[in-house]
Amino acid sequence: MATRILLIDDDFELHELLSGYLGRQGIEVSTLHDAGSLEKRLERDRPDVIVRDVLMPGVDGLTALGRLRTAGDDIPVILLSARTDDVDRILGLEVGADDYIRPG
């Protein structure tokens, strides 16, 4: 069975890039463009890992992650952010992220 990733990001170009690359590696990628429907999505489809942007309109990545962890959900989450401040990385890990990636 292939690894399944849920990518949550409002950047459509990034969705295409990551979906194509990961798909060629045998990884199934599904996408959401905001975190508003994350809980409903997880009720019907549980990926192996969530990769999500920190800075998004509406519910940001840290808030969404905090809600998951408060609800007792331990699904692995990798935060993705262009922000370079170490404080952001530390905060993300303290909120419950399994990793924090800064592309580039």
N, C-alpha and C. Protein backbone atom coordinates (compact mmCIF):
# COMPACT_ATOMS: atom_id res chain seq x y z
N MET A 1 0.85 -1.18 0.00
CA MET A 1 0.00 0.00 0.00
C MET A 1 0.89 1.25 0.00
N ALA A 2 0.56 2.21 -0.83
CA ALA A 2 1.34 3.44 -0.94
C ALA A 2 1.13 4.35 0.27
N THR A 3 2.15 5.10 0.60
CA THR A 3 2.03 6.13 1.63
C THR A 3 1.07 7.20 1.11
N ARG A 4 0.19 7.69 2.00
CA ARG A 4 -0.79 8.70 1.61
C ARG A 4 -0.54 9.98 2.39
N ILE A 5 -0.36 11.07 1.64
CA ILE A 5 -0.11 12.39 2.23
C ILE A 5 -1.28 13.31 1.91
N LEU A 6 -1.69 14.08 2.92
CA LEU A 6 -2.65 15.15 2.71
C LEU A 6 -1.87 16.45 2.75
N LEU A 7 -1.87 17.18 1.63
CA LEU A 7 -1.18 18.46 1.52
C LEU A 7 -2.19 19.58 1.68
N ILE A 8 -1.96 20.44 2.67
CA ILE A 8 -2.86 21.58 2.91
C ILE A 8 -2.06 22.85 2.67
N ASP A 9 -2.38 23.53 1.58
CA ASP A 9 -1.67 24.75 1.21
C ASP A 9 -2.56 25.53 0.24
N ASP A 10 -2.48 26.84 0.29
CA ASP A 10 -3.28 27.66 -0.61
C ASP A 10 -2.54 28.00 -1.91
N ASP A 11 -1.36 27.45 -2.11
CA ASP A 11 -0.55 27.69 -3.31
C ASP A 11 -0.80 26.56 -4.30
N PHE A 12 -1.60 26.84 -5.34
CA PHE A 12 -1.97 25.81 -6.31
C PHE A 12 -0.75 25.29 -7.08
N GLU A 13 0.22 26.15 -7.33
CA GLU A 13 1.42 25.73 -8.03
C GLU A 13 2.21 24.71 -7.20
N LEU A 14 2.28 24.95 -5.91
CA LEU A 14 2.96 24.01 -5.01
C LEU A 14 2.24 22.66 -4.99
N HIS A 15 0.91 22.69 -5.00
CA HIS A 15 0.14 21.44 -5.06
C HIS A 15 0.56 20.62 -6.27
N GLU A 16 0.61 21.27 -7.43
CA GLU A 16 0.96 20.58 -8.66
C GLU A 16 2.39 20.03 -8.59
N LEU A 17 3.31 20.84 -8.14
CA LEU A 17 4.71 20.45 -8.06
C LEU A 17 4.91 19.25 -7.14
N LEU A 18 4.39 19.36 -5.90
CA LEU A 18 4.56 18.28 -4.93
C LEU A 18 3.79 17.02 -5.32
N SER A 19 2.57 17.20 -5.81
CA SER A 19 1.78 16.04 -6.22
C SER A 19 2.47 15.27 -7.33
N GLY A 20 3.02 15.99 -8.30
CA GLY A 20 3.73 15.33 -9.39
C GLY A 20 4.97 14.62 -8.92
N TYR A 21 5.78 15.31 -8.14
CA TYR A 21 7.04 14.72 -7.66
C TYR A 21 6.78 13.51 -6.76
N LEU A 22 5.92 13.68 -5.77
CA LEU A 22 5.66 12.59 -4.84
C LEU A 22 4.95 11.44 -5.52
N GLY A 23 4.07 11.75 -6.47
CA GLY A 23 3.39 10.70 -7.22
C GLY A 23 4.36 9.81 -7.97
N ARG A 24 5.41 10.42 -8.54
CA ARG A 24 6.42 9.64 -9.25
C ARG A 24 7.22 8.75 -8.30
N GLN A 25 7.18 9.07 -7.00
CA GLN A 25 7.86 8.26 -5.99
C GLN A 25 6.94 7.19 -5.42
N GLY A 26 5.72 7.10 -5.95
CA GLY A 26 4.77 6.09 -5.48
C GLY A 26 3.96 6.53 -4.27
N ILE A 27 3.94 7.82 -3.99
CA ILE A 27 3.20 8.35 -2.85
C ILE A 27 1.90 8.97 -3.34
N GLU A 28 0.81 8.63 -2.70
CA GLU A 28 -0.49 9.21 -3.04
C GLU A 28 -0.63 10.56 -2.34
N VAL A 29 -1.00 11.58 -3.09
CA VAL A 29 -1.16 12.92 -2.52
C VAL A 29 -2.59 13.39 -2.76
N SER A 30 -3.26 13.79 -1.68
CA SER A 30 -4.55 14.47 -1.81
C SER A 30 -4.35 15.88 -1.26
N THR A 31 -5.23 16.79 -1.62
CA THR A 31 -5.00 18.19 -1.27
C THR A 31 -6.23 18.86 -0.69
N LEU A 32 -5.96 19.84 0.14
CA LEU A 32 -6.95 20.79 0.62
C LEU A 32 -6.33 22.17 0.44
N HIS A 33 -7.16 23.16 0.16
CA HIS A 33 -6.65 24.50 -0.04
C HIS A 33 -6.83 25.39 1.17
N ASP A 34 -7.48 24.86 2.20
CA ASP A 34 -7.60 25.57 3.48
C ASP A 34 -7.90 24.53 4.55
N ALA A 35 -7.77 24.95 5.81
CA ALA A 35 -7.95 23.99 6.92
C ALA A 35 -9.38 23.96 7.44
N GLY A 36 -10.26 24.74 6.84
CA GLY A 36 -11.63 24.81 7.33
C GLY A 36 -12.36 23.49 7.36
N SER A 37 -12.05 22.62 6.42
CA SER A 37 -12.75 21.33 6.35
C SER A 37 -11.87 20.16 6.76
N LEU A 38 -10.77 20.43 7.44
CA LEU A 38 -9.83 19.38 7.80
C LEU A 38 -10.46 18.29 8.66
N GLU A 39 -11.18 18.69 9.71
CA GLU A 39 -11.75 17.68 10.61
C GLU A 39 -12.71 16.75 9.87
N LYS A 40 -13.56 17.31 9.01
CA LYS A 40 -14.49 16.48 8.24
C LYS A 40 -13.74 15.55 7.30
N ARG A 41 -12.68 16.06 6.70
CA ARG A 41 -11.88 15.25 5.78
C ARG A 41 -11.26 14.06 6.52
N LEU A 42 -10.75 14.31 7.73
CA LEU A 42 -10.12 13.24 8.50
C LEU A 42 -11.12 12.20 8.98
N GLU A 43 -12.37 12.59 9.13
CA GLU A 43 -13.40 11.62 9.53
C GLU A 43 -13.63 10.59 8.43
N ARG A 44 -13.51 10.99 7.18
CA ARG A 44 -13.79 10.07 6.08
C ARG A 44 -12.56 9.52 5.39
N ASP A 45 -11.41 10.18 5.57
CA ASP A 45 -10.19 9.75 4.89
C ASP A 45 -8.99 10.14 5.73
N ARG A 46 -8.29 9.15 6.28
CA ARG A 46 -7.13 9.42 7.14
C ARG A 46 -5.84 9.12 6.39
N PRO A 47 -5.09 10.16 6.05
CA PRO A 47 -3.81 9.93 5.40
C PRO A 47 -2.79 9.42 6.41
N ASP A 48 -1.63 9.04 5.91
CA ASP A 48 -0.55 8.61 6.80
C ASP A 48 0.14 9.81 7.45
N VAL A 49 0.15 10.94 6.75
CA VAL A 49 0.79 12.15 7.26
C VAL A 49 0.13 13.38 6.61
N ILE A 50 0.13 14.47 7.35
CA ILE A 50 -0.35 15.75 6.83
C ILE A 50 0.86 16.66 6.67
N VAL A 51 0.96 17.29 5.50
CA VAL A 51 1.95 18.33 5.26
C VAL A 51 1.17 19.60 5.03
N ARG A 52 1.43 20.62 5.86
CA ARG A 52 0.61 21.83 5.74
C ARG A 52 1.42 23.08 5.92
N ASP A 53 0.96 24.10 5.21
CA ASP A 53 1.58 25.42 5.29
C ASP A 53 1.21 26.06 6.62
N VAL A 54 2.12 26.85 7.15
CA VAL A 54 1.86 27.57 8.40
C VAL A 54 1.04 28.82 8.13
N LEU A 55 1.46 29.61 7.16
CA LEU A 55 0.80 30.89 6.87
C LEU A 55 -0.26 30.72 5.80
N MET A 56 -1.51 30.72 6.24
CA MET A 56 -2.63 30.58 5.31
C MET A 56 -3.75 31.50 5.75
N PRO A 57 -4.57 31.93 4.80
CA PRO A 57 -5.74 32.72 5.19
C PRO A 57 -6.72 31.84 5.97
N GLY A 58 -7.51 32.46 6.78
CA GLY A 58 -8.46 31.69 7.60
C GLY A 58 -7.73 31.08 8.77
N VAL A 59 -7.83 29.77 8.91
CA VAL A 59 -7.19 29.06 10.01
C VAL A 59 -5.73 28.78 9.64
N ASP A 60 -4.80 29.36 10.38
CA ASP A 60 -3.38 29.15 10.08
C ASP A 60 -2.94 27.76 10.54
N GLY A 61 -1.76 27.36 10.11
CA GLY A 61 -1.25 26.02 10.39
C GLY A 61 -1.09 25.70 11.85
N LEU A 62 -0.61 26.65 12.64
CA LEU A 62 -0.41 26.40 14.06
C LEU A 62 -1.74 26.22 14.79
N THR A 63 -2.72 27.05 14.44
CA THR A 63 -4.04 26.93 15.07
C THR A 63 -4.68 25.59 14.72
N ALA A 64 -4.62 25.21 13.45
CA ALA A 64 -5.20 23.93 13.03
C ALA A 64 -4.51 22.76 13.71
N LEU A 65 -3.20 22.84 13.81
CA LEU A 65 -2.45 21.79 14.49
C LEU A 65 -2.82 21.72 15.97
N GLY A 66 -2.91 22.87 16.61
CA GLY A 66 -3.31 22.92 18.01
C GLY A 66 -4.68 22.28 18.24
N ARG A 67 -5.60 22.53 17.32
CA ARG A 67 -6.95 21.93 17.44
C ARG A 67 -6.88 20.41 17.33
N LEU A 68 -6.08 19.93 16.38
CA LEU A 68 -5.93 18.47 16.25
C LEU A 68 -5.37 17.85 17.52
N ARG A 69 -4.32 18.45 18.04
CA ARG A 69 -3.68 17.88 19.23
C ARG A 69 -4.57 17.99 20.45
N THR A 70 -5.29 19.09 20.59
CA THR A 70 -6.24 19.25 21.71
C THR A 70 -7.34 18.19 21.66
N ALA A 71 -7.74 17.83 20.45
CA ALA A 71 -8.77 16.80 20.26
C ALA A 71 -8.21 15.39 20.46
N GLY A 72 -6.90 15.29 20.70
CA GLY A 72 -6.29 13.98 20.94
C GLY A 72 -5.83 13.27 19.68
N ASP A 73 -5.86 13.95 18.54
CA ASP A 73 -5.45 13.33 17.28
C ASP A 73 -3.93 13.35 17.18
N ASP A 74 -3.33 12.18 16.97
CA ASP A 74 -1.88 12.10 16.91
C ASP A 74 -1.35 11.82 15.50
N ILE A 75 -2.17 12.13 14.49
CA ILE A 75 -1.71 11.95 13.11
C ILE A 75 -0.44 12.76 12.89
N PRO A 76 0.57 12.20 12.25
CA PRO A 76 1.81 12.96 12.02
C PRO A 76 1.57 14.19 11.16
N VAL A 77 2.15 15.31 11.57
CA VAL A 77 2.00 16.58 10.85
C VAL A 77 3.37 17.20 10.63
N ILE A 78 3.64 17.54 9.38
CA ILE A 78 4.86 18.26 9.03
C ILE A 78 4.44 19.66 8.60
N LEU A 79 4.98 20.67 9.27
CA LEU A 79 4.68 22.05 8.91
C LEU A 79 5.65 22.50 7.84
N LEU A 80 5.14 23.26 6.89
CA LEU A 80 5.91 23.76 5.77
C LEU A 80 5.79 25.28 5.78
N SER A 81 6.92 25.98 5.83
CA SER A 81 6.85 27.44 5.88
C SER A 81 8.10 28.06 5.30
N ALA A 82 7.91 29.16 4.62
CA ALA A 82 9.03 29.93 4.08
C ALA A 82 9.62 30.85 5.15
N ARG A 83 8.96 30.96 6.28
CA ARG A 83 9.48 31.82 7.35
C ARG A 83 10.77 31.21 7.90
N THR A 84 11.74 32.07 8.17
CA THR A 84 13.06 31.58 8.56
C THR A 84 13.38 31.79 10.04
N ASP A 85 12.47 32.37 10.78
CA ASP A 85 12.71 32.65 12.19
C ASP A 85 12.67 31.34 12.99
N ASP A 86 13.73 31.08 13.77
CA ASP A 86 13.77 29.86 14.59
C ASP A 86 12.64 29.80 15.60
N VAL A 87 12.14 30.94 16.04
CA VAL A 87 11.03 30.97 16.99
C VAL A 87 9.81 30.29 16.39
N ASP A 88 9.56 30.51 15.09
CA ASP A 88 8.42 29.86 14.43
C ASP A 88 8.58 28.34 14.43
N ARG A 89 9.79 27.88 14.16
CA ARG A 89 10.05 26.43 14.15
C ARG A 89 9.85 25.84 15.55
N ILE A 90 10.38 26.52 16.54
CA ILE A 90 10.25 26.04 17.92
C ILE A 90 8.78 26.01 18.34
N LEU A 91 8.05 27.07 18.01
CA LEU A 91 6.63 27.12 18.35
C LEU A 91 5.86 26.00 17.67
N GLY A 92 6.15 25.77 16.39
CA GLY A 92 5.48 24.69 15.67
C GLY A 92 5.71 23.33 16.30
N LEU A 93 6.94 23.08 16.70
CA LEU A 93 7.26 21.80 17.33
C LEU A 93 6.62 21.69 18.71
N GLU A 94 6.57 22.79 19.44
CA GLU A 94 5.92 22.78 20.76
C GLU A 94 4.42 22.56 20.67
N VAL A 95 3.79 23.06 19.61
CA VAL A 95 2.35 22.88 19.43
C VAL A 95 2.03 21.43 19.08
N GLY A 96 3.03 20.71 18.55
CA GLY A 96 2.80 19.29 18.28
C GLY A 96 3.19 18.82 16.90
N ALA A 97 3.87 19.65 16.11
CA ALA A 97 4.33 19.21 14.81
C ALA A 97 5.39 18.12 14.96
N ASP A 98 5.42 17.22 14.02
CA ASP A 98 6.43 16.17 14.03
C ASP A 98 7.71 16.64 13.35
N ASP A 99 7.57 17.63 12.48
CA ASP A 99 8.73 18.25 11.85
C ASP A 99 8.30 19.58 11.27
N TYR A 100 9.29 20.39 10.92
CA TYR A 100 9.06 21.75 10.40
C TYR A 100 10.08 21.94 9.29
N ILE A 101 9.58 22.14 8.07
CA ILE A 101 10.46 22.25 6.91
C ILE A 101 10.41 23.66 6.35
N ARG A 102 11.60 24.18 6.07
CA ARG A 102 11.74 25.46 5.38
C ARG A 102 12.32 25.18 3.99
N PRO A 103 11.49 25.24 2.94
CA PRO A 103 12.02 24.95 1.61
C PRO A 103 13.04 25.99 1.18
N GLY A 104 13.91 25.55 0.28
CA GLY A 104 14.89 26.47 -0.30
C GLY A 104 16.03 26.59 0.56
